[in-house]
Each structure stands twice: as structure tokens, then as C-alpha cells.
């Protein structure tokens, strides 16, 4: 069993979010039941059959998500 204390469920306007508080990654779910199912899959190491749930599980369990470089037009100037 894997510790899933860092996964939090949050209610939003059109459903729910499951948020990984360590990495900041999240996934959208339509129902609270779906949130608890994905947390159960992660905790017990089950690989879901559904492609959406597979991607959700991957997002929530990845340590650090790679992000592509952003293009910055130097001639326009950037305010940070």
C-alpha cells in the first residue's frame, strides 16, 4: 500500500479535482466517487482499464512533470 495522504479532493463548479499537493499536478473528475476510485487505484497499485483514468493516475503519480520551454520575444520586452 502506498501512502496517499498528499492527494486532496476539492469541489469545483463542474465536478471535482484531485490534487497532488507535493507536485501541484491535478486531474478533473465528474463525481466524488471517481475521485475516491483513482485514489484507491493509486494506493493499491491497480492499473485502470479506462484510458482517462490511466492518464489521471499517471499525472498524479509522476514525480516532476517536464514542461517545454516558453518562447519570449525579446524585442517586445518582458515584465516580470
PDB file of N, CA and C in Angstrom:
ATOM      1  N   UNK A   1       0.825  -1.186   0.000  1.00  0.00           N
ATOM      2  CA  UNK A   1       0.000   0.000   0.000  1.00  0.00           C
ATOM      3  C   UNK A   1       0.869   1.248   0.000  1.00  0.00           C
ATOM      4  N   UNK A   2       0.509   2.171  -0.833  1.00  0.00           N
ATOM      5  CA  UNK A   2       1.234   3.428  -0.964  1.00  0.00           C
ATOM      6  C   UNK A   2       0.501   4.500  -0.160  1.00  0.00           C
ATOM      7  N   UNK A   3       1.243   5.376   0.509  1.00  0.00           N
ATOM      8  CA  UNK A   3       0.655   6.470   1.278  1.00  0.00           C
ATOM      9  C   UNK A   3       0.111   7.524   0.313  1.00  0.00           C
ATOM     10  N   UNK A   4      -1.165   7.857   0.444  1.00  0.00           N
ATOM     11  CA  UNK A   4      -1.798   8.835  -0.447  1.00  0.00           C
ATOM     12  C   UNK A   4      -2.311  10.049   0.326  1.00  0.00           C
ATOM     13  N   UNK A   5      -1.674  10.362   1.441  1.00  0.00           N
ATOM     14  CA  UNK A   5      -2.105  11.498   2.258  1.00  0.00           C
ATOM     15  C   UNK A   5      -1.916  12.826   1.532  1.00  0.00           C
ATOM     16  N   UNK A   6      -1.050  12.867   0.521  1.00  0.00           N
ATOM     17  CA  UNK A   6      -0.787  14.090  -0.216  1.00  0.00           C
ATOM     18  C   UNK A   6      -1.805  14.338  -1.332  1.00  0.00           C
ATOM     19  N   UNK A   7      -2.749  13.435  -1.545  1.00  0.00           N
ATOM     20  CA  UNK A   7      -3.795  13.619  -2.551  1.00  0.00           C
ATOM     21  C   UNK A   7      -5.033  14.193  -1.882  1.00  0.00           C
ATOM     22  N   UNK A   8      -5.495  15.333  -2.357  1.00  0.00           N
ATOM     23  CA  UNK A   8      -6.653  16.015  -1.776  1.00  0.00           C
ATOM     24  C   UNK A   8      -7.753  16.153  -2.826  1.00  0.00           C
ATOM     25  N   UNK A   9      -9.003  16.037  -2.382  1.00  0.00           N
ATOM     26  CA  UNK A   9     -10.172  16.191  -3.247  1.00  0.00           C
ATOM     27  C   UNK A   9     -10.762  17.572  -2.996  1.00  0.00           C
ATOM     28  N   UNK A  10     -11.060  18.273  -4.094  1.00  0.00           N
ATOM     29  CA  UNK A  10     -11.605  19.622  -3.979  1.00  0.00           C
ATOM     30  C   UNK A  10     -12.820  19.755  -4.897  1.00  0.00           C
ATOM     31  N   UNK A  11     -13.894  20.324  -4.388  1.00  0.00           N
ATOM     32  CA  UNK A  11     -15.111  20.554  -5.175  1.00  0.00           C
ATOM     33  C   UNK A  11     -14.931  21.806  -6.017  1.00  0.00           C
ATOM     34  N   UNK A  12     -15.261  21.716  -7.305  1.00  0.00           N
ATOM     35  CA  UNK A  12     -15.243  22.877  -8.197  1.00  0.00           C
ATOM     36  C   UNK A  12     -16.619  22.986  -8.855  1.00  0.00           C
ATOM     37  N   UNK A  13     -16.794  23.994  -9.672  1.00  0.00           N
ATOM     38  CA  UNK A  13     -18.104  24.266 -10.271  1.00  0.00           C
ATOM     39  C   UNK A  13     -18.668  23.073 -11.044  1.00  0.00           C
ATOM     40  N   UNK A  14     -17.882  22.478 -11.919  1.00  0.00           N
ATOM     41  CA  UNK A  14     -18.376  21.382 -12.756  1.00  0.00           C
ATOM     42  C   UNK A  14     -17.744  20.051 -12.373  1.00  0.00           C
ATOM     43  N   UNK A  15     -17.710  19.731 -11.099  1.00  0.00           N
ATOM     44  CA  UNK A  15     -17.180  18.439 -10.697  1.00  0.00           C
ATOM     45  C   UNK A  15     -16.216  18.546  -9.536  1.00  0.00           C
ATOM     46  N   UNK A  16     -15.129  17.782  -9.647  1.00  0.00           N
ATOM     47  CA  UNK A  16     -14.158  17.691  -8.566  1.00  0.00           C
ATOM     48  C   UNK A  16     -12.744  17.682  -9.131  1.00  0.00           C
ATOM     49  N   UNK A  17     -11.792  18.053  -8.292  1.00  0.00           N
ATOM     50  CA  UNK A  17     -10.369  17.957  -8.607  1.00  0.00           C
ATOM     51  C   UNK A  17      -9.725  17.009  -7.611  1.00  0.00           C
ATOM     52  N   UNK A  18      -8.757  16.228  -8.092  1.00  0.00           N
ATOM     53  CA  UNK A  18      -7.869  15.506  -7.197  1.00  0.00           C
ATOM     54  C   UNK A  18      -6.514  16.168  -7.392  1.00  0.00           C
ATOM     55  N   UNK A  19      -5.954  16.717  -6.320  1.00  0.00           N
ATOM     56  CA  UNK A  19      -4.725  17.496  -6.388  1.00  0.00           C
ATOM     57  C   UNK A  19      -3.620  16.769  -5.640  1.00  0.00           C
ATOM     58  N   UNK A  20      -2.450  16.658  -6.290  1.00  0.00           N
ATOM     59  CA  UNK A  20      -1.254  16.142  -5.631  1.00  0.00           C
ATOM     60  C   UNK A  20      -0.561  17.353  -5.011  1.00  0.00           C
ATOM     61  N   UNK A  21      -0.592  17.458  -3.682  1.00  0.00           N
ATOM     62  CA  UNK A  21      -0.056  18.643  -3.024  1.00  0.00           C
ATOM     63  C   UNK A  21       1.467  18.695  -3.042  1.00  0.00           C
ATOM     64  N   UNK A  22       2.119  17.572  -3.339  1.00  0.00           N
ATOM     65  CA  UNK A  22       3.590  17.572  -3.433  1.00  0.00           C
ATOM     66  C   UNK A  22       4.053  18.236  -4.727  1.00  0.00           C
ATOM     67  N   UNK A  23       3.411  17.860  -5.845  1.00  0.00           N
ATOM     68  CA  UNK A  23       3.858  18.342  -7.147  1.00  0.00           C
ATOM     69  C   UNK A  23       2.972  19.445  -7.720  1.00  0.00           C
ATOM     70  N   UNK A  24       1.754  19.574  -7.221  1.00  0.00           N
ATOM     71  CA  UNK A  24       0.829  20.568  -7.758  1.00  0.00           C
ATOM     72  C   UNK A  24       0.041  20.061  -8.951  1.00  0.00           C
ATOM     73  N   UNK A  25       0.307  18.852  -9.410  1.00  0.00           N
ATOM     74  CA  UNK A  25      -0.449  18.290 -10.526  1.00  0.00           C
ATOM     75  C   UNK A  25      -1.859  17.955 -10.069  1.00  0.00           C
ATOM     76  N   UNK A  26      -2.812  17.981 -11.006  1.00  0.00           N
ATOM     77  CA  UNK A  26      -4.194  17.688 -10.658  1.00  0.00           C
ATOM     78  C   UNK A  26      -4.882  16.997 -11.815  1.00  0.00           C
ATOM     79  N   UNK A  27      -6.053  16.444 -11.531  1.00  0.00           N
ATOM     80  CA  UNK A  27      -6.885  15.842 -12.556  1.00  0.00           C
ATOM     81  C   UNK A  27      -8.339  16.186 -12.258  1.00  0.00           C
ATOM     82  N   UNK A  28      -9.146  16.281 -13.303  1.00  0.00           N
ATOM     83  CA  UNK A  28     -10.555  16.629 -13.167  1.00  0.00           C
ATOM     84  C   UNK A  28     -11.398  15.362 -13.182  1.00  0.00           C
ATOM     85  N   UNK A  29     -12.384  15.316 -12.312  1.00  0.00           N
ATOM     86  CA  UNK A  29     -13.321  14.197 -12.246  1.00  0.00           C
ATOM     87  C   UNK A  29     -14.734  14.753 -12.194  1.00  0.00           C
ATOM     88  N   UNK A  30     -15.676  13.990 -12.731  1.00  0.00           N
ATOM     89  CA  UNK A  30     -17.073  14.425 -12.722  1.00  0.00           C
ATOM     90  C   UNK A  30     -17.748  14.148 -11.388  1.00  0.00           C
ATOM     91  N   UNK A  31     -17.319  13.077 -10.704  1.00  0.00           N
ATOM     92  CA  UNK A  31     -18.007  12.696  -9.471  1.00  0.00           C
ATOM     93  C   UNK A  31     -17.014  12.481  -8.336  1.00  0.00           C
ATOM     94  N   UNK A  32     -17.532  12.546  -7.125  1.00  0.00           N
ATOM     95  CA  UNK A  32     -16.713  12.289  -5.947  1.00  0.00           C
ATOM     96  C   UNK A  32     -16.290  10.822  -5.927  1.00  0.00           C
ATOM     97  N   UNK A  33     -17.158   9.952  -6.411  1.00  0.00           N
ATOM     98  CA  UNK A  33     -16.846   8.526  -6.476  1.00  0.00           C
ATOM     99  C   UNK A  33     -15.630   8.282  -7.371  1.00  0.00           C
ATOM    100  N   UNK A  34     -15.546   8.990  -8.493  1.00  0.00           N
ATOM    101  CA  UNK A  34     -14.392   8.865  -9.384  1.00  0.00           C
ATOM    102  C   UNK A  34     -13.105   9.293  -8.698  1.00  0.00           C
ATOM    103  N   UNK A  35     -13.188  10.334  -7.866  1.00  0.00           N
ATOM    104  CA  UNK A  35     -12.018  10.806  -7.116  1.00  0.00           C
ATOM    105  C   UNK A  35     -11.507   9.726  -6.177  1.00  0.00           C
ATOM    106  N   UNK A  36     -12.437   9.131  -5.441  1.00  0.00           N
ATOM    107  CA  UNK A  36     -12.026   8.108  -4.492  1.00  0.00           C
ATOM    108  C   UNK A  36     -11.560   6.836  -5.192  1.00  0.00           C
ATOM    109  N   UNK A  37     -12.114   6.547  -6.373  1.00  0.00           N
ATOM    110  CA  UNK A  37     -11.648   5.385  -7.151  1.00  0.00           C
ATOM    111  C   UNK A  37     -10.194   5.586  -7.589  1.00  0.00           C
ATOM    112  N   UNK A  38      -9.854   6.757  -8.109  1.00  0.00           N
ATOM    113  CA  UNK A  38      -8.487   6.984  -8.582  1.00  0.00           C
ATOM    114  C   UNK A  38      -7.508   6.963  -7.413  1.00  0.00           C
ATOM    115  N   UNK A  39      -7.924   7.474  -6.253  1.00  0.00           N
ATOM    116  CA  UNK A  39      -7.064   7.410  -5.060  1.00  0.00           C
ATOM    117  C   UNK A  39      -6.874   5.958  -4.632  1.00  0.00           C
ATOM    118  N   UNK A  40      -7.931   5.165  -4.714  1.00  0.00           N
ATOM    119  CA  UNK A  40      -7.832   3.741  -4.365  1.00  0.00           C
ATOM    120  C   UNK A  40      -6.902   3.017  -5.339  1.00  0.00           C
ATOM    121  N   UNK A  41      -7.002   3.317  -6.631  1.00  0.00           N
ATOM    122  CA  UNK A  41      -6.124   2.694  -7.621  1.00  0.00           C
ATOM    123  C   UNK A  41      -4.667   3.005  -7.324  1.00  0.00           C
ATOM    124  N   UNK A  42      -4.375   4.244  -6.966  1.00  0.00           N
ATOM    125  CA  UNK A  42      -3.000   4.649  -6.658  1.00  0.00           C
ATOM    126  C   UNK A  42      -2.521   3.942  -5.389  1.00  0.00           C
ATOM    127  N   UNK A  43      -3.368   3.920  -4.352  1.00  0.00           N
ATOM    128  CA  UNK A  43      -2.989   3.329  -3.076  1.00  0.00           C
ATOM    129  C   UNK A  43      -2.697   1.827  -3.210  1.00  0.00           C
ATOM    130  N   UNK A  44      -3.518   1.121  -3.993  1.00  0.00           N
ATOM    131  CA  UNK A  44      -3.390  -0.326  -4.098  1.00  0.00           C
ATOM    132  C   UNK A  44      -2.571  -0.781  -5.302  1.00  0.00           C
ATOM    133  N   UNK A  45      -2.107   0.163  -6.120  1.00  0.00           N
ATOM    134  CA  UNK A  45      -1.266  -0.193  -7.263  1.00  0.00           C
ATOM    135  C   UNK A  45      -2.020  -0.857  -8.401  1.00  0.00           C
ATOM    136  N   UNK A  46      -3.290  -0.549  -8.559  1.00  0.00           N
ATOM    137  CA  UNK A  46      -4.119  -1.127  -9.618  1.00  0.00           C
ATOM    138  C   UNK A  46      -4.012  -0.257 -10.862  1.00  0.00           C
ATOM    139  N   UNK A  47      -3.866  -0.894 -12.025  1.00  0.00           N
ATOM    140  CA  UNK A  47      -3.836  -0.163 -13.293  1.00  0.00           C
ATOM    141  C   UNK A  47      -5.242  -0.174 -13.891  1.00  0.00           C
ATOM    142  N   UNK A  48      -5.912   0.993 -14.019  1.00  0.00           N
ATOM    143  CA  UNK A  48      -7.286   1.030 -14.547  1.00  0.00           C
ATOM    144  C   UNK A  48      -7.330   0.688 -16.035  1.00  0.00           C
ATOM    145  N   UNK A  49      -8.486   0.192 -16.485  1.00  0.00           N
ATOM    146  CA  UNK A  49      -8.692  -0.131 -17.902  1.00  0.00           C
ATOM    147  C   UNK A  49      -9.037   1.106 -18.720  1.00  0.00           C
ATOM    148  N   UNK A  50      -9.695   2.049 -18.111  1.00  0.00           N
ATOM    149  CA  UNK A  50     -10.152   3.255 -18.778  1.00  0.00           C
ATOM    150  C   UNK A  50      -8.969   4.166 -19.107  1.00  0.00           C
ATOM    151  N   UNK A  51      -8.833   4.618 -20.369  1.00  0.00           N
ATOM    152  CA  UNK A  51      -7.707   5.485 -20.744  1.00  0.00           C
ATOM    153  C   UNK A  51      -7.669   6.815 -19.972  1.00  0.00           C
ATOM    154  N   UNK A  52      -8.835   7.391 -19.662  1.00  0.00           N
ATOM    155  CA  UNK A  52      -8.866   8.647 -18.907  1.00  0.00           C
ATOM    156  C   UNK A  52      -8.322   8.432 -17.495  1.00  0.00           C
ATOM    157  N   UNK A  53      -8.731   7.336 -16.864  1.00  0.00           N
ATOM    158  CA  UNK A  53      -8.238   7.033 -15.521  1.00  0.00           C
ATOM    159  C   UNK A  53      -6.755   6.676 -15.541  1.00  0.00           C
ATOM    160  N   UNK A  54      -6.291   6.034 -16.607  1.00  0.00           N
ATOM    161  CA  UNK A  54      -4.862   5.723 -16.735  1.00  0.00           C
ATOM    162  C   UNK A  54      -4.047   7.008 -16.770  1.00  0.00           C
ATOM    163  N   UNK A  55      -4.491   7.986 -17.559  1.00  0.00           N
ATOM    164  CA  UNK A  55      -3.789   9.259 -17.661  1.00  0.00           C
ATOM    165  C   UNK A  55      -3.866  10.024 -16.336  1.00  0.00           C
ATOM    166  N   UNK A  56      -5.012   9.972 -15.676  1.00  0.00           N
ATOM    167  CA  UNK A  56      -5.165  10.631 -14.378  1.00  0.00           C
ATOM    168  C   UNK A  56      -4.202  10.035 -13.357  1.00  0.00           C
ATOM    169  N   UNK A  57      -4.104   8.724 -13.345  1.00  0.00           N
ATOM    170  CA  UNK A  57      -3.191   8.055 -12.413  1.00  0.00           C
ATOM    171  C   UNK A  57      -1.752   8.453 -12.713  1.00  0.00           C
ATOM    172  N   UNK A  58      -1.387   8.506 -13.991  1.00  0.00           N
ATOM    173  CA  UNK A  58      -0.027   8.881 -14.373  1.00  0.00           C
ATOM    174  C   UNK A  58       0.288  10.305 -13.924  1.00  0.00           C
ATOM    175  N   UNK A  59      -0.645  11.228 -14.130  1.00  0.00           N
ATOM    176  CA  UNK A  59      -0.439  12.629 -13.736  1.00  0.00           C
ATOM    177  C   UNK A  59      -0.218  12.782 -12.236  1.00  0.00           C
ATOM    178  N   UNK A  60      -1.020  12.057 -11.461  1.00  0.00           N
ATOM    179  CA  UNK A  60      -0.957  12.201 -10.008  1.00  0.00           C
ATOM    180  C   UNK A  60       0.250  11.500  -9.389  1.00  0.00           C
ATOM    181  N   UNK A  61       0.825  10.520 -10.095  1.00  0.00           N
ATOM    182  CA  UNK A  61       1.937   9.773  -9.512  1.00  0.00           C
ATOM    183  C   UNK A  61       3.300  10.204 -10.041  1.00  0.00           C
ATOM    184  N   UNK A  62       3.339  10.983 -11.113  1.00  0.00           N
ATOM    185  CA  UNK A  62       4.627  11.400 -11.677  1.00  0.00           C
ATOM    186  C   UNK A  62       5.309  12.345 -10.690  1.00  0.00           C
ATOM    187  N   UNK A  63       6.601  12.163 -10.499  1.00  0.00           N
ATOM    188  CA  UNK A  63       7.355  12.967  -9.534  1.00  0.00           C
ATOM    189  C   UNK A  63       7.452  14.427  -9.959  1.00  0.00           C
ATOM    190  N   UNK A  64       7.915  14.644 -11.170  1.00  0.00           N
ATOM    191  CA  UNK A  64       8.085  16.013 -11.657  1.00  0.00           C
ATOM    192  C   UNK A  64       7.719  16.035 -13.129  1.00  0.00           C
ATOM    193  N   UNK A  65       6.789  16.867 -13.491  1.00  0.00           N
ATOM    194  CA  UNK A  65       6.331  16.921 -14.867  1.00  0.00           C
ATOM    195  C   UNK A  65       7.253  17.809 -15.691  1.00  0.00           C
ATOM    196  N   UNK A  66       7.673  17.310 -16.843  1.00  0.00           N
ATOM    197  CA  UNK A  66       8.533  18.073 -17.734  1.00  0.00           C
ATOM    198  C   UNK A  66       7.683  19.128 -18.429  1.00  0.00           C
ATOM    199  N   UNK A  67       8.194  20.327 -18.481  1.00  0.00           N
ATOM    200  CA  UNK A  67       7.485  21.409 -19.173  1.00  0.00           C
ATOM    201  C   UNK A  67       8.363  21.948 -20.290  1.00  0.00           C
ATOM    202  N   UNK A  68       7.727  22.231 -21.418  1.00  0.00           N
ATOM    203  CA  UNK A  68       8.514  22.727 -22.538  1.00  0.00           C
ATOM    204  C   UNK A  68       8.891  24.189 -22.319  1.00  0.00           C
ATOM    205  N   UNK A  69       9.971  24.611 -22.944  1.00  0.00           N
ATOM    206  CA  UNK A  69      10.440  25.982 -22.819  1.00  0.00           C
ATOM    207  C   UNK A  69       9.431  26.943 -23.439  1.00  0.00           C
ATOM    208  N   UNK A  70       9.334  28.130 -22.859  1.00  0.00           N
ATOM    209  CA  UNK A  70       8.432  29.145 -23.374  1.00  0.00           C
ATOM    210  C   UNK A  70       9.189  30.091 -24.294  1.00  0.00           C
ATOM    211  N   UNK A  71       8.550  30.483 -25.381  1.00  0.00           N
ATOM    212  CA  UNK A  71       9.142  31.437 -26.307  1.00  0.00           C
ATOM    213  C   UNK A  71       8.894  32.843 -25.775  1.00  0.00           C
ATOM    214  N   UNK A  72       9.940  33.641 -25.731  1.00  0.00           N
ATOM    215  CA  UNK A  72       9.836  35.028 -25.301  1.00  0.00           C
ATOM    216  C   UNK A  72      10.400  35.909 -26.401  1.00  0.00           C
ATOM    217  N   UNK A  73       9.574  36.832 -26.907  1.00  0.00           N
ATOM    218  CA  UNK A  73      10.004  37.757 -27.938  1.00  0.00           C
ATOM    219  C   UNK A  73      10.781  38.873 -27.251  1.00  0.00           C
ATOM    220  N   UNK A  74      12.093  38.907 -27.442  1.00  0.00           N
ATOM    221  CA  UNK A  74      12.959  39.854 -26.758  1.00  0.00           C
ATOM    222  C   UNK A  74      12.660  41.297 -27.170  1.00  0.00           C
ATOM    223  N   UNK A  75      12.262  41.502 -28.420  1.00  0.00           N
ATOM    224  CA  UNK A  75      12.010  42.846 -28.916  1.00  0.00           C
ATOM    225  C   UNK A  75      10.782  43.492 -28.271  1.00  0.00           C
ATOM    226  N   UNK A  76       9.862  42.695 -27.774  1.00  0.00           N
ATOM    227  CA  UNK A  76       8.671  43.251 -27.128  1.00  0.00           C
ATOM    228  C   UNK A  76       8.946  43.641 -25.683  1.00  0.00           C
ATOM    229  N   UNK A  77       9.930  43.047 -25.083  1.00  0.00           N
ATOM    230  CA  UNK A  77      10.202  43.328 -23.685  1.00  0.00           C
ATOM    231  C   UNK A  77       9.320  42.483 -22.777  1.00  0.00           C
ATOM    232  N   UNK A  78       9.882  42.061 -21.677  1.00  0.00           N
ATOM    233  CA  UNK A  78       9.141  41.205 -20.774  1.00  0.00           C
ATOM    234  C   UNK A  78       9.133  41.855 -19.393  1.00  0.00           C
ATOM    235  N   UNK A  79       7.979  41.929 -18.810  1.00  0.00           N
ATOM    236  CA  UNK A  79       7.863  42.443 -17.430  1.00  0.00           C
ATOM    237  C   UNK A  79       7.672  41.272 -16.504  1.00  0.00           C
ATOM    238  N   UNK A  80       8.540  41.140 -15.527  1.00  0.00           N
ATOM    239  CA  UNK A  80       8.422  40.019 -14.605  1.00  0.00           C
ATOM    240  C   UNK A  80       8.141  40.443 -13.239  1.00  0.00           C
TER     241      UNK A  80
END
